[in-house]
Amino acid sequence: MCLAIPGQIEELFDNDGLKMARVNFGGIRRATCMEYAPGAAAGDYVLVHVGFAISVINEAEAARQYEALKVSGDLAEAQNTLRVPEAE
């Protein structure tokens, strides 16, 4: 199943001309490509799919998406995917 996981942008940065962000997914932080959500800012919530922010959402929608993952039983799978070590 393909999932988009809600997270909050902690910081934005540039990686060789690529717009990136450090996104917090409930304590798990990952570098995320922001090219598909260029207007996003630190503090915003985004939906992330395979390392790409695909949509900016509000905090209520992020909470709703998180709860939907939890209820459907997909939250553990999503968190395990996020726990894969980041490439340096």
Protein backbone atom coordinates (compact mmCIF):
# COMPACT_ATOMS: atom_id res chain seq x y z
CA MET A 1 0.00 0.00 0.00
CA CYS A 2 1.20 3.53 -0.73
CA LEU A 3 0.94 5.90 2.19
CA ALA A 4 1.38 9.63 2.61
CA ILE A 5 2.50 10.35 6.15
CA PRO A 6 1.84 13.69 7.90
CA GLY A 7 4.79 15.51 9.45
CA GLN A 8 5.83 18.97 10.58
CA ILE A 9 8.64 20.92 8.94
CA GLU A 10 11.36 21.83 11.43
CA GLU A 11 13.80 23.52 9.07
CA LEU A 12 14.31 24.17 5.39
CA PHE A 13 17.65 23.80 3.63
CA ASP A 14 19.21 23.53 0.20
CA ASN A 15 20.99 20.38 -0.98
CA ASP A 16 22.91 21.15 -4.19
CA GLY A 17 20.05 23.30 -5.51
CA LEU A 18 17.29 20.96 -4.31
CA LYS A 19 14.75 22.40 -1.83
CA MET A 20 14.77 20.13 1.23
CA ALA A 21 13.39 20.13 4.78
CA ARG A 22 13.93 18.28 8.02
CA VAL A 23 10.44 16.92 8.82
CA ASN A 24 9.35 15.56 12.21
CA PHE A 25 7.03 12.56 12.08
CA GLY A 26 6.10 12.20 15.76
CA GLY A 27 9.72 12.15 16.94
CA ILE A 28 11.23 10.52 13.86
CA ARG A 29 13.02 13.11 11.74
CA ARG A 30 13.76 12.71 8.05
CA ALA A 31 15.16 14.81 5.24
CA THR A 32 12.33 15.42 2.77
CA CYS A 33 12.33 16.84 -0.74
CA MET A 34 10.21 19.99 -0.92
CA GLU A 35 10.22 20.53 -4.70
CA TYR A 36 6.50 19.61 -4.96
CA ALA A 37 5.54 21.93 -2.07
CA PRO A 38 7.72 24.98 -2.70
CA GLY A 39 5.60 27.40 -0.65
CA ALA A 40 5.90 25.40 2.58
CA ALA A 41 7.61 27.01 5.56
CA ALA A 42 9.07 25.89 8.88
CA GLY A 43 6.20 24.96 11.20
CA ASP A 44 3.90 23.87 8.36
CA TYR A 45 2.50 20.36 8.14
CA VAL A 46 3.01 18.33 4.99
CA LEU A 47 1.97 14.95 3.64
CA VAL A 48 5.06 13.00 2.61
CA HIS A 49 5.17 10.08 0.20
CA VAL A 50 8.44 8.23 -0.48
CA GLY A 51 10.53 11.16 0.72
CA PHE A 52 8.65 13.89 -1.18
CA ALA A 53 6.31 16.44 0.40
CA ILE A 54 3.26 16.24 -1.86
CA SER A 55 0.90 18.61 -0.08
CA VAL A 56 0.81 21.29 2.61
CA ILE A 57 -1.97 20.64 5.14
CA ASN A 58 -3.16 22.30 8.33
CA GLU A 59 -2.59 20.90 11.82
CA ALA A 60 -6.14 19.51 12.11
CA GLU A 61 -5.78 17.61 8.82
CA ALA A 62 -2.39 16.26 9.94
CA ALA A 63 -3.99 14.95 13.14
CA ARG A 64 -6.86 13.42 11.15
CA GLN A 65 -4.47 11.68 8.75
CA TYR A 66 -2.35 10.39 11.65
CA GLU A 67 -5.46 9.02 13.38
CA ALA A 68 -6.63 7.38 10.12
CA LEU A 69 -3.25 5.61 9.83
CA LYS A 70 -3.57 4.49 13.45
CA VAL A 71 -7.15 3.18 13.06
CA SER A 72 -6.38 1.38 9.79
CA GLY A 73 -3.41 -0.40 11.35
CA ASP A 74 -0.99 1.22 8.89
CA LEU A 75 0.71 3.49 11.43
CA ALA A 76 3.20 0.84 12.59
CA GLU A 77 4.17 0.10 8.98
CA ALA A 78 4.59 3.81 8.25
CA GLN A 79 6.75 4.30 11.35
CA ASN A 80 8.90 1.29 10.48
CA THR A 81 9.48 2.76 7.03
CA LEU A 82 10.59 6.03 8.62
CA ARG A 83 13.00 4.24 10.95
CA VAL A 84 15.18 3.06 8.07
CA PRO A 85 18.48 4.92 8.56
CA GLU A 86 18.90 8.07 6.49
CA ALA A 87 21.62 8.17 3.88
CA GLU A 88 24.30 10.66 4.88
